[in-house]
mmCIF file of all heavy atoms, coordinates in Angstrom:
data_MODEL
# 
_entry.id   MODEL 
# 
loop_
_atom_site.group_PDB 
_atom_site.id 
_atom_site.type_symbol 
_atom_site.label_atom_id 
_atom_site.label_alt_id 
_atom_site.label_comp_id 
_atom_site.label_asym_id 
_atom_site.label_entity_id 
_atom_site.label_seq_id 
_atom_site.pdbx_PDB_ins_code 
_atom_site.Cartn_x 
_atom_site.Cartn_y 
_atom_site.Cartn_z 
_atom_site.occupancy 
_atom_site.B_iso_or_equiv 
_atom_site.pdbx_formal_charge 
_atom_site.auth_seq_id 
_atom_site.auth_comp_id 
_atom_site.auth_asym_id 
_atom_site.auth_atom_id 
_atom_site.pdbx_PDB_model_num 
ATOM 1   N N   . PRO A 1 1  ? 0.817  -1.217  0.000   1.00 0.00 ? 1  PRO A N   1 
ATOM 2   C CA  . PRO A 1 1  ? 0.000  0.000   0.000   1.00 0.00 ? 1  PRO A CA  1 
ATOM 3   C C   . PRO A 1 1  ? 0.845  1.258   0.000   1.00 0.00 ? 1  PRO A C   1 
ATOM 4   O O   . PRO A 1 1  ? 0.471  2.273   -0.580  1.00 0.00 ? 1  PRO A O   1 
ATOM 5   C CB  . PRO A 1 1  ? -0.819 -0.140  1.294   1.00 0.00 ? 1  PRO A CB  1 
ATOM 6   C CG  . PRO A 1 1  ? -0.871 -1.610  1.543   1.00 0.00 ? 1  PRO A CG  1 
ATOM 7   C CD  . PRO A 1 1  ? 0.431  -2.146  1.068   1.00 0.00 ? 1  PRO A CD  1 
ATOM 8   N N   . ALA A 1 2  ? 2.016  1.175   0.645   1.00 0.00 ? 2  ALA A N   1 
ATOM 9   C CA  . ALA A 1 2  ? 2.874  2.357   0.729   1.00 0.00 ? 2  ALA A CA  1 
ATOM 10  C C   . ALA A 1 2  ? 3.401  2.784   -0.624  1.00 0.00 ? 2  ALA A C   1 
ATOM 11  O O   . ALA A 1 2  ? 3.863  3.897   -0.795  1.00 0.00 ? 2  ALA A O   1 
ATOM 12  C CB  . ALA A 1 2  ? 4.037  2.092   1.679   1.00 0.00 ? 2  ALA A CB  1 
ATOM 13  N N   . ALA A 1 3  ? 3.355  1.873   -1.601  1.00 0.00 ? 3  ALA A N   1 
ATOM 14  C CA  . ALA A 1 3  ? 3.927  2.190   -2.900  1.00 0.00 ? 3  ALA A CA  1 
ATOM 15  C C   . ALA A 1 3  ? 2.873  2.579   -3.922  1.00 0.00 ? 3  ALA A C   1 
ATOM 16  O O   . ALA A 1 3  ? 3.186  2.805   -5.074  1.00 0.00 ? 3  ALA A O   1 
ATOM 17  C CB  . ALA A 1 3  ? 4.715  0.990   -3.415  1.00 0.00 ? 3  ALA A CB  1 
ATOM 18  N N   . SER A 1 4  ? 1.632  2.662   -3.512  1.00 0.00 ? 4  SER A N   1 
ATOM 19  C CA  . SER A 1 4  ? 0.575  2.883   -4.480  1.00 0.00 ? 4  SER A CA  1 
ATOM 20  C C   . SER A 1 4  ? 0.163  4.350   -4.523  1.00 0.00 ? 4  SER A C   1 
ATOM 21  O O   . SER A 1 4  ? 0.565  5.170   -3.717  1.00 0.00 ? 4  SER A O   1 
ATOM 22  C CB  . SER A 1 4  ? -0.627 2.009   -4.111  1.00 0.00 ? 4  SER A CB  1 
ATOM 23  O OG  . SER A 1 4  ? -1.111 2.378   -2.831  1.00 0.00 ? 4  SER A OG  1 
ATOM 24  N N   . GLY A 1 5  ? -0.684 4.654   -5.496  1.00 0.00 ? 5  GLY A N   1 
ATOM 25  C CA  . GLY A 1 5  ? -1.238 6.000   -5.597  1.00 0.00 ? 5  GLY A CA  1 
ATOM 26  C C   . GLY A 1 5  ? -0.264 6.983   -6.203  1.00 0.00 ? 5  GLY A C   1 
ATOM 27  O O   . GLY A 1 5  ? 0.728  6.637   -6.819  1.00 0.00 ? 5  GLY A O   1 
ATOM 28  N N   . ALA A 1 6  ? -0.561 8.274   -5.990  1.00 0.00 ? 6  ALA A N   1 
ATOM 29  C CA  . ALA A 1 6  ? 0.217  9.344   -6.597  1.00 0.00 ? 6  ALA A CA  1 
ATOM 30  C C   . ALA A 1 6  ? 1.245  9.902   -5.624  1.00 0.00 ? 6  ALA A C   1 
ATOM 31  O O   . ALA A 1 6  ? 1.618  11.068  -5.705  1.00 0.00 ? 6  ALA A O   1 
ATOM 32  C CB  . ALA A 1 6  ? -0.714 10.450  -7.068  1.00 0.00 ? 6  ALA A CB  1 
ATOM 33  N N   . ARG A 1 7  ? 1.690  9.104   -4.709  1.00 0.00 ? 7  ARG A N   1 
ATOM 34  C CA  . ARG A 1 7  ? 2.665  9.530   -3.712  1.00 0.00 ? 7  ARG A CA  1 
ATOM 35  C C   . ARG A 1 7  ? 3.954  9.994   -4.376  1.00 0.00 ? 7  ARG A C   1 
ATOM 36  O O   . ARG A 1 7  ? 4.412  9.380   -5.333  1.00 0.00 ? 7  ARG A O   1 
ATOM 37  C CB  . ARG A 1 7  ? 2.945  8.334   -2.794  1.00 0.00 ? 7  ARG A CB  1 
ATOM 38  C CG  . ARG A 1 7  ? 3.656  8.646   -1.502  1.00 0.00 ? 7  ARG A CG  1 
ATOM 39  C CD  . ARG A 1 7  ? 3.597  7.378   -0.673  1.00 0.00 ? 7  ARG A CD  1 
ATOM 40  N NE  . ARG A 1 7  ? 4.419  7.474   0.507   1.00 0.00 ? 7  ARG A NE  1 
ATOM 41  C CZ  . ARG A 1 7  ? 4.716  6.431   1.265   1.00 0.00 ? 7  ARG A CZ  1 
ATOM 42  N NH1 . ARG A 1 7  ? 4.243  5.248   0.946   1.00 0.00 ? 7  ARG A NH1 1 
ATOM 43  N NH2 . ARG A 1 7  ? 5.456  6.566   2.331   1.00 0.00 ? 7  ARG A NH2 1 
ATOM 44  N N   . ARG A 1 8  ? 4.530  11.080  -3.854  1.00 0.00 ? 8  ARG A N   1 
ATOM 45  C CA  . ARG A 1 8  ? 5.771  11.618  -4.399  1.00 0.00 ? 8  ARG A CA  1 
ATOM 46  C C   . ARG A 1 8  ? 6.884  11.442  -3.376  1.00 0.00 ? 8  ARG A C   1 
ATOM 47  O O   . ARG A 1 8  ? 6.671  11.660  -2.184  1.00 0.00 ? 8  ARG A O   1 
ATOM 48  C CB  . ARG A 1 8  ? 5.596  13.102  -4.734  1.00 0.00 ? 8  ARG A CB  1 
ATOM 49  C CG  . ARG A 1 8  ? 4.453  13.375  -5.702  1.00 0.00 ? 8  ARG A CG  1 
ATOM 50  C CD  . ARG A 1 8  ? 4.819  13.033  -7.130  1.00 0.00 ? 8  ARG A CD  1 
ATOM 51  N NE  . ARG A 1 8  ? 5.630  14.081  -7.730  1.00 0.00 ? 8  ARG A NE  1 
ATOM 52  C CZ  . ARG A 1 8  ? 6.104  14.028  -8.980  1.00 0.00 ? 8  ARG A CZ  1 
ATOM 53  N NH1 . ARG A 1 8  ? 5.877  12.974  -9.718  1.00 0.00 ? 8  ARG A NH1 1 
ATOM 54  N NH2 . ARG A 1 8  ? 6.817  15.012  -9.469  1.00 0.00 ? 8  ARG A NH2 1 
ATOM 55  N N   . PHE A 1 9  ? 8.062  11.073  -3.857  1.00 0.00 ? 9  PHE A N   1 
ATOM 56  C CA  . PHE A 1 9  ? 9.162  10.730  -2.967  1.00 0.00 ? 9  PHE A CA  1 
ATOM 57  C C   . PHE A 1 9  ? 10.341 11.673  -3.162  1.00 0.00 ? 9  PHE A C   1 
ATOM 58  O O   . PHE A 1 9  ? 10.728 11.966  -4.289  1.00 0.00 ? 9  PHE A O   1 
ATOM 59  C CB  . PHE A 1 9  ? 9.600  9.281   -3.217  1.00 0.00 ? 9  PHE A CB  1 
ATOM 60  C CG  . PHE A 1 9  ? 8.501  8.282   -2.994  1.00 0.00 ? 9  PHE A CG  1 
ATOM 61  C CD1 . PHE A 1 9  ? 7.754  7.798   -4.061  1.00 0.00 ? 9  PHE A CD1 1 
ATOM 62  C CD2 . PHE A 1 9  ? 8.194  7.847   -1.717  1.00 0.00 ? 9  PHE A CD2 1 
ATOM 63  C CE1 . PHE A 1 9  ? 6.734  6.883   -3.865  1.00 0.00 ? 9  PHE A CE1 1 
ATOM 64  C CE2 . PHE A 1 9  ? 7.173  6.936   -1.504  1.00 0.00 ? 9  PHE A CE2 1 
ATOM 65  C CZ  . PHE A 1 9  ? 6.439  6.456   -2.576  1.00 0.00 ? 9  PHE A CZ  1 
ATOM 66  N N   . GLU A 1 10 ? 10.888 12.131  -2.039  1.00 0.00 ? 10 GLU A N   1 
ATOM 67  C CA  . GLU A 1 10 ? 12.037 13.036  -2.059  1.00 0.00 ? 10 GLU A CA  1 
ATOM 68  C C   . GLU A 1 10 ? 13.358 12.292  -1.927  1.00 0.00 ? 10 GLU A C   1 
ATOM 69  O O   . GLU A 1 10 ? 14.420 12.875  -2.154  1.00 0.00 ? 10 GLU A O   1 
ATOM 70  C CB  . GLU A 1 10 ? 11.904 14.051  -0.921  1.00 0.00 ? 10 GLU A CB  1 
ATOM 71  C CG  . GLU A 1 10 ? 10.667 14.927  -1.036  1.00 0.00 ? 10 GLU A CG  1 
ATOM 72  C CD  . GLU A 1 10 ? 10.489 15.845  0.158   1.00 0.00 ? 10 GLU A CD  1 
ATOM 73  O OE1 . GLU A 1 10 ? 11.337 15.785  1.078   1.00 0.00 ? 10 GLU A OE1 1 
ATOM 74  O OE2 . GLU A 1 10 ? 9.516  16.615  0.177   1.00 0.00 ? 10 GLU A OE2 1 
ATOM 75  N N   . THR A 1 11 ? 13.296 11.029  -1.531  1.00 0.00 ? 11 THR A N   1 
ATOM 76  C CA  . THR A 1 11 ? 14.482 10.194  -1.366  1.00 0.00 ? 11 THR A CA  1 
ATOM 77  C C   . THR A 1 11 ? 14.208 8.836   -1.992  1.00 0.00 ? 11 THR A C   1 
ATOM 78  O O   . THR A 1 11 ? 13.109 8.298   -1.844  1.00 0.00 ? 11 THR A O   1 
ATOM 79  C CB  . THR A 1 11 ? 14.812 10.000  0.124   1.00 0.00 ? 11 THR A CB  1 
ATOM 80  O OG1 . THR A 1 11 ? 15.044 11.278  0.723   1.00 0.00 ? 11 THR A OG1 1 
ATOM 81  C CG2 . THR A 1 11 ? 16.032 9.123   0.313   1.00 0.00 ? 11 THR A CG2 1 
ATOM 82  N N   . VAL A 1 12 ? 15.199 8.283   -2.695  1.00 0.00 ? 12 VAL A N   1 
ATOM 83  C CA  . VAL A 1 12 ? 15.057 6.947   -3.271  1.00 0.00 ? 12 VAL A CA  1 
ATOM 84  C C   . VAL A 1 12 ? 16.238 6.096   -2.799  1.00 0.00 ? 12 VAL A C   1 
ATOM 85  O O   . VAL A 1 12 ? 17.399 6.494   -2.938  1.00 0.00 ? 12 VAL A O   1 
ATOM 86  C CB  . VAL A 1 12 ? 15.010 6.977   -4.806  1.00 0.00 ? 12 VAL A CB  1 
ATOM 87  C CG1 . VAL A 1 12 ? 14.842 5.554   -5.351  1.00 0.00 ? 12 VAL A CG1 1 
ATOM 88  C CG2 . VAL A 1 12 ? 13.866 7.864   -5.298  1.00 0.00 ? 12 VAL A CG2 1 
ATOM 89  N N   . LEU A 1 13 ? 15.924 4.940   -2.229  1.00 0.00 ? 13 LEU A N   1 
ATOM 90  C CA  . LEU A 1 13 ? 16.916 3.949   -1.829  1.00 0.00 ? 13 LEU A CA  1 
ATOM 91  C C   . LEU A 1 13 ? 16.892 2.807   -2.839  1.00 0.00 ? 13 LEU A C   1 
ATOM 92  O O   . LEU A 1 13 ? 15.820 2.343   -3.225  1.00 0.00 ? 13 LEU A O   1 
ATOM 93  C CB  . LEU A 1 13 ? 16.604 3.407   -0.431  1.00 0.00 ? 13 LEU A CB  1 
ATOM 94  C CG  . LEU A 1 13 ? 16.491 4.432   0.695   1.00 0.00 ? 13 LEU A CG  1 
ATOM 95  C CD1 . LEU A 1 13 ? 16.088 3.739   1.995   1.00 0.00 ? 13 LEU A CD1 1 
ATOM 96  C CD2 . LEU A 1 13 ? 17.808 5.191   0.882   1.00 0.00 ? 13 LEU A CD2 1 
ATOM 97  N N   . PHE A 1 14 ? 18.065 2.373   -3.252  1.00 0.00 ? 14 PHE A N   1 
ATOM 98  C CA  . PHE A 1 14 ? 18.168 1.281   -4.208  1.00 0.00 ? 14 PHE A CA  1 
ATOM 99  C C   . PHE A 1 14 ? 18.928 0.106   -3.596  1.00 0.00 ? 14 PHE A C   1 
ATOM 100 O O   . PHE A 1 14 ? 19.939 0.288   -2.902  1.00 0.00 ? 14 PHE A O   1 
ATOM 101 C CB  . PHE A 1 14 ? 18.933 1.718   -5.466  1.00 0.00 ? 14 PHE A CB  1 
ATOM 102 C CG  . PHE A 1 14 ? 18.202 2.675   -6.349  1.00 0.00 ? 14 PHE A CG  1 
ATOM 103 C CD1 . PHE A 1 14 ? 18.411 4.042   -6.221  1.00 0.00 ? 14 PHE A CD1 1 
ATOM 104 C CD2 . PHE A 1 14 ? 17.334 2.217   -7.327  1.00 0.00 ? 14 PHE A CD2 1 
ATOM 105 C CE1 . PHE A 1 14 ? 17.760 4.939   -7.052  1.00 0.00 ? 14 PHE A CE1 1 
ATOM 106 C CE2 . PHE A 1 14 ? 16.672 3.110   -8.165  1.00 0.00 ? 14 PHE A CE2 1 
ATOM 107 C CZ  . PHE A 1 14 ? 16.887 4.473   -8.032  1.00 0.00 ? 14 PHE A CZ  1 
ATOM 108 N N   . ASP A 1 15 ? 18.467 -1.099  -3.893  1.00 0.00 ? 15 ASP A N   1 
ATOM 109 C CA  . ASP A 1 15 ? 19.240 -2.304  -3.677  1.00 0.00 ? 15 ASP A CA  1 
ATOM 110 C C   . ASP A 1 15 ? 20.365 -2.341  -4.729  1.00 0.00 ? 15 ASP A C   1 
ATOM 111 O O   . ASP A 1 15 ? 20.317 -1.618  -5.732  1.00 0.00 ? 15 ASP A O   1 
ATOM 112 C CB  . ASP A 1 15 ? 18.306 -3.510  -3.821  1.00 0.00 ? 15 ASP A CB  1 
ATOM 113 C CG  . ASP A 1 15 ? 19.042 -4.829  -3.812  1.00 0.00 ? 15 ASP A CG  1 
ATOM 114 O OD1 . ASP A 1 15 ? 19.819 -5.073  -2.871  1.00 0.00 ? 15 ASP A OD1 1 
ATOM 115 O OD2 . ASP A 1 15 ? 18.838 -5.625  -4.749  1.00 0.00 ? 15 ASP A OD2 1 
ATOM 116 N N   . PHE A 1 16 ? 21.354 -3.197  -4.497  1.00 0.00 ? 16 PHE A N   1 
ATOM 117 C CA  . PHE A 1 16 ? 22.503 -3.311  -5.407  1.00 0.00 ? 16 PHE A CA  1 
ATOM 118 C C   . PHE A 1 16 ? 22.310 -4.447  -6.414  1.00 0.00 ? 16 PHE A C   1 
ATOM 119 O O   . PHE A 1 16 ? 21.940 -4.232  -7.563  1.00 0.00 ? 16 PHE A O   1 
ATOM 120 C CB  . PHE A 1 16 ? 23.771 -3.528  -4.572  1.00 0.00 ? 16 PHE A CB  1 
ATOM 121 C CG  . PHE A 1 16 ? 24.988 -3.988  -5.336  1.00 0.00 ? 16 PHE A CG  1 
ATOM 122 C CD1 . PHE A 1 16 ? 25.456 -3.285  -6.430  1.00 0.00 ? 16 PHE A CD1 1 
ATOM 123 C CD2 . PHE A 1 16 ? 25.674 -5.129  -4.936  1.00 0.00 ? 16 PHE A CD2 1 
ATOM 124 C CE1 . PHE A 1 16 ? 26.585 -3.709  -7.129  1.00 0.00 ? 16 PHE A CE1 1 
ATOM 125 C CE2 . PHE A 1 16 ? 26.813 -5.563  -5.609  1.00 0.00 ? 16 PHE A CE2 1 
ATOM 126 C CZ  . PHE A 1 16 ? 27.268 -4.857  -6.713  1.00 0.00 ? 16 PHE A CZ  1 
ATOM 127 N N   . SER A 1 17 ? 22.504 -5.684  -5.967  1.00 0.00 ? 17 SER A N   1 
ATOM 128 C CA  . SER A 1 17 ? 22.493 -6.838  -6.859  1.00 0.00 ? 17 SER A CA  1 
ATOM 129 C C   . SER A 1 17 ? 21.078 -7.177  -7.306  1.00 0.00 ? 17 SER A C   1 
ATOM 130 O O   . SER A 1 17 ? 20.170 -7.351  -6.489  1.00 0.00 ? 17 SER A O   1 
ATOM 131 C CB  . SER A 1 17 ? 23.107 -8.046  -6.149  1.00 0.00 ? 17 SER A CB  1 
ATOM 132 O OG  . SER A 1 17 ? 23.033 -9.205  -6.947  1.00 0.00 ? 17 SER A OG  1 
ATOM 133 N N   . GLY A 1 18 ? 20.893 -7.256  -8.618  1.00 0.00 ? 18 GLY A N   1 
ATOM 134 C CA  . GLY A 1 18 ? 19.579 -7.555  -9.171  1.00 0.00 ? 18 GLY A CA  1 
ATOM 135 C C   . GLY A 1 18 ? 18.718 -6.335  -9.367  1.00 0.00 ? 18 GLY A C   1 
ATOM 136 O O   . GLY A 1 18 ? 17.627 -6.433  -9.942  1.00 0.00 ? 18 GLY A O   1 
ATOM 137 N N   . THR A 1 19 ? 19.199 -5.183  -8.909  1.00 0.00 ? 19 THR A N   1 
ATOM 138 C CA  . THR A 1 19 ? 18.429 -3.939  -9.033  1.00 0.00 ? 19 THR A CA  1 
ATOM 139 C C   . THR A 1 19 ? 19.189 -2.918  -9.873  1.00 0.00 ? 19 THR A C   1 
ATOM 140 O O   . THR A 1 19 ? 18.737 -2.517  -10.939 1.00 0.00 ? 19 THR A O   1 
ATOM 141 C CB  . THR A 1 19 ? 18.109 -3.367  -7.645  1.00 0.00 ? 19 THR A CB  1 
ATOM 142 O OG1 . THR A 1 19 ? 17.341 -4.327  -6.914  1.00 0.00 ? 19 THR A OG1 1 
ATOM 143 C CG2 . THR A 1 19 ? 17.309 -2.070  -7.759  1.00 0.00 ? 19 THR A CG2 1 
ATOM 144 N N   . LEU A 1 20 ? 20.349 -2.477  -9.401  1.00 0.00 ? 20 LEU A N   1 
ATOM 145 C CA  . LEU A 1 20 ? 21.180 -1.560  -10.181 1.00 0.00 ? 20 LEU A CA  1 
ATOM 146 C C   . LEU A 1 20 ? 22.231 -2.298  -11.001 1.00 0.00 ? 20 LEU A C   1 
ATOM 147 O O   . LEU A 1 20 ? 22.623 -1.835  -12.085 1.00 0.00 ? 20 LEU A O   1 
ATOM 148 C CB  . LEU A 1 20 ? 21.874 -0.560  -9.257  1.00 0.00 ? 20 LEU A CB  1 
ATOM 149 C CG  . LEU A 1 20 ? 20.980 0.487   -8.594  1.00 0.00 ? 20 LEU A CG  1 
ATOM 150 C CD1 . LEU A 1 20 ? 21.791 1.315   -7.604  1.00 0.00 ? 20 LEU A CD1 1 
ATOM 151 C CD2 . LEU A 1 20 ? 20.306 1.390   -9.619  1.00 0.00 ? 20 LEU A CD2 1 
ATOM 152 N N   . PHE A 1 21 ? 22.705 -3.430  -10.484 1.00 0.00 ? 21 PHE A N   1 
ATOM 153 C CA  . PHE A 1 21 ? 23.746 -4.222  -11.147 1.00 0.00 ? 21 PHE A CA  1 
ATOM 154 C C   . PHE A 1 21 ? 23.328 -5.685  -11.215 1.00 0.00 ? 21 PHE A C   1 
ATOM 155 O O   . PHE A 1 21 ? 22.520 -6.155  -10.406 1.00 0.00 ? 21 PHE A O   1 
ATOM 156 C CB  . PHE A 1 21 ? 25.063 -4.152  -10.373 1.00 0.00 ? 21 PHE A CB  1 
ATOM 157 C CG  . PHE A 1 21 ? 25.842 -2.878  -10.542 1.00 0.00 ? 21 PHE A CG  1 
ATOM 158 C CD1 . PHE A 1 21 ? 25.542 -1.767  -9.770  1.00 0.00 ? 21 PHE A CD1 1 
ATOM 159 C CD2 . PHE A 1 21 ? 26.873 -2.788  -11.457 1.00 0.00 ? 21 PHE A CD2 1 
ATOM 160 C CE1 . PHE A 1 21 ? 26.261 -0.588  -9.899  1.00 0.00 ? 21 PHE A CE1 1 
ATOM 161 C CE2 . PHE A 1 21 ? 27.601 -1.614  -11.595 1.00 0.00 ? 21 PHE A CE2 1 
ATOM 162 C CZ  . PHE A 1 21 ? 27.302 -0.507  -10.821 1.00 0.00 ? 21 PHE A CZ  1 
ATOM 163 N N   . ARG A 1 22 ? 23.941 -6.410  -12.141 1.00 0.00 ? 22 ARG A N   1 
ATOM 164 C CA  . ARG A 1 22 ? 23.736 -7.848  -12.273 1.00 0.00 ? 22 ARG A CA  1 
ATOM 165 C C   . ARG A 1 22 ? 25.106 -8.532  -12.299 1.00 0.00 ? 22 ARG A C   1 
ATOM 166 O O   . ARG A 1 22 ? 26.016 -8.100  -13.016 1.00 0.00 ? 22 ARG A O   1 
ATOM 167 C CB  . ARG A 1 22 ? 22.979 -8.138  -13.564 1.00 0.00 ? 22 ARG A CB  1 
ATOM 168 C CG  . ARG A 1 22 ? 22.856 -9.600  -13.934 1.00 0.00 ? 22 ARG A CG  1 
ATOM 169 C CD  . ARG A 1 22 ? 21.751 -10.299 -13.207 1.00 0.00 ? 22 ARG A CD  1 
ATOM 170 N NE  . ARG A 1 22 ? 21.609 -11.674 -13.684 1.00 0.00 ? 22 ARG A NE  1 
ATOM 171 C CZ  . ARG A 1 22 ? 20.582 -12.458 -13.427 1.00 0.00 ? 22 ARG A CZ  1 
ATOM 172 N NH1 . ARG A 1 22 ? 19.583 -12.000 -12.690 1.00 0.00 ? 22 ARG A NH1 1 
ATOM 173 N NH2 . ARG A 1 22 ? 20.529 -13.683 -13.902 1.00 0.00 ? 22 ARG A NH2 1 
ATOM 174 N N   . ILE A 1 23 ? 25.258 -9.592  -11.519 1.00 0.00 ? 23 ILE A N   1 
ATOM 175 C CA  . ILE A 1 23 ? 26.489 -10.359 -11.512 1.00 0.00 ? 23 ILE A CA  1 
ATOM 176 C C   . ILE A 1 23 ? 26.616 -11.136 -12.829 1.00 0.00 ? 23 ILE A C   1 
ATOM 177 O O   . ILE A 1 23 ? 25.605 -11.498 -13.449 1.00 0.00 ? 23 ILE A O   1 
ATOM 178 C CB  . ILE A 1 23 ? 26.517 -11.328 -10.299 1.00 0.00 ? 23 ILE A CB  1 
ATOM 179 C CG1 . ILE A 1 23 ? 27.906 -11.970 -10.112 1.00 0.00 ? 23 ILE A CG1 1 
ATOM 180 C CG2 . ILE A 1 23 ? 25.430 -12.392 -10.443 1.00 0.00 ? 23 ILE A CG2 1 
ATOM 181 C CD1 . ILE A 1 23 ? 28.979 -11.022 -9.696  1.00 0.00 ? 23 ILE A CD1 1 
ATOM 182 N N   . GLU A 1 24 ? 27.837 -11.410 -13.255 1.00 0.00 ? 24 GLU A N   1 
ATOM 183 C CA  . GLU A 1 24 ? 28.062 -12.168 -14.483 1.00 0.00 ? 24 GLU A CA  1 
ATOM 184 C C   . GLU A 1 24 ? 27.535 -13.601 -14.343 1.00 0.00 ? 24 GLU A C   1 
ATOM 185 O O   . GLU A 1 24 ? 27.374 -14.117 -13.233 1.00 0.00 ? 24 GLU A O   1 
ATOM 186 C CB  . GLU A 1 24 ? 29.557 -12.196 -14.802 1.00 0.00 ? 24 GLU A CB  1 
ATOM 187 C CG  . GLU A 1 24 ? 30.409 -12.915 -13.763 1.00 0.00 ? 24 GLU A CG  1 
ATOM 188 C CD  . GLU A 1 24 ? 31.891 -12.711 -13.992 1.00 0.00 ? 24 GLU A CD  1 
ATOM 189 O OE1 . GLU A 1 24 ? 32.289 -12.306 -15.096 1.00 0.00 ? 24 GLU A OE1 1 
ATOM 190 O OE2 . GLU A 1 24 ? 32.660 -12.954 -13.037 1.00 0.00 ? 24 GLU A OE2 1 
# 
């Protein structure tokens, strides 16, 4: 529920593996 609707975010946290990068 926290991710739904027209909510606007001032900070974004990203995971590393499988999200921003992929291992060989």
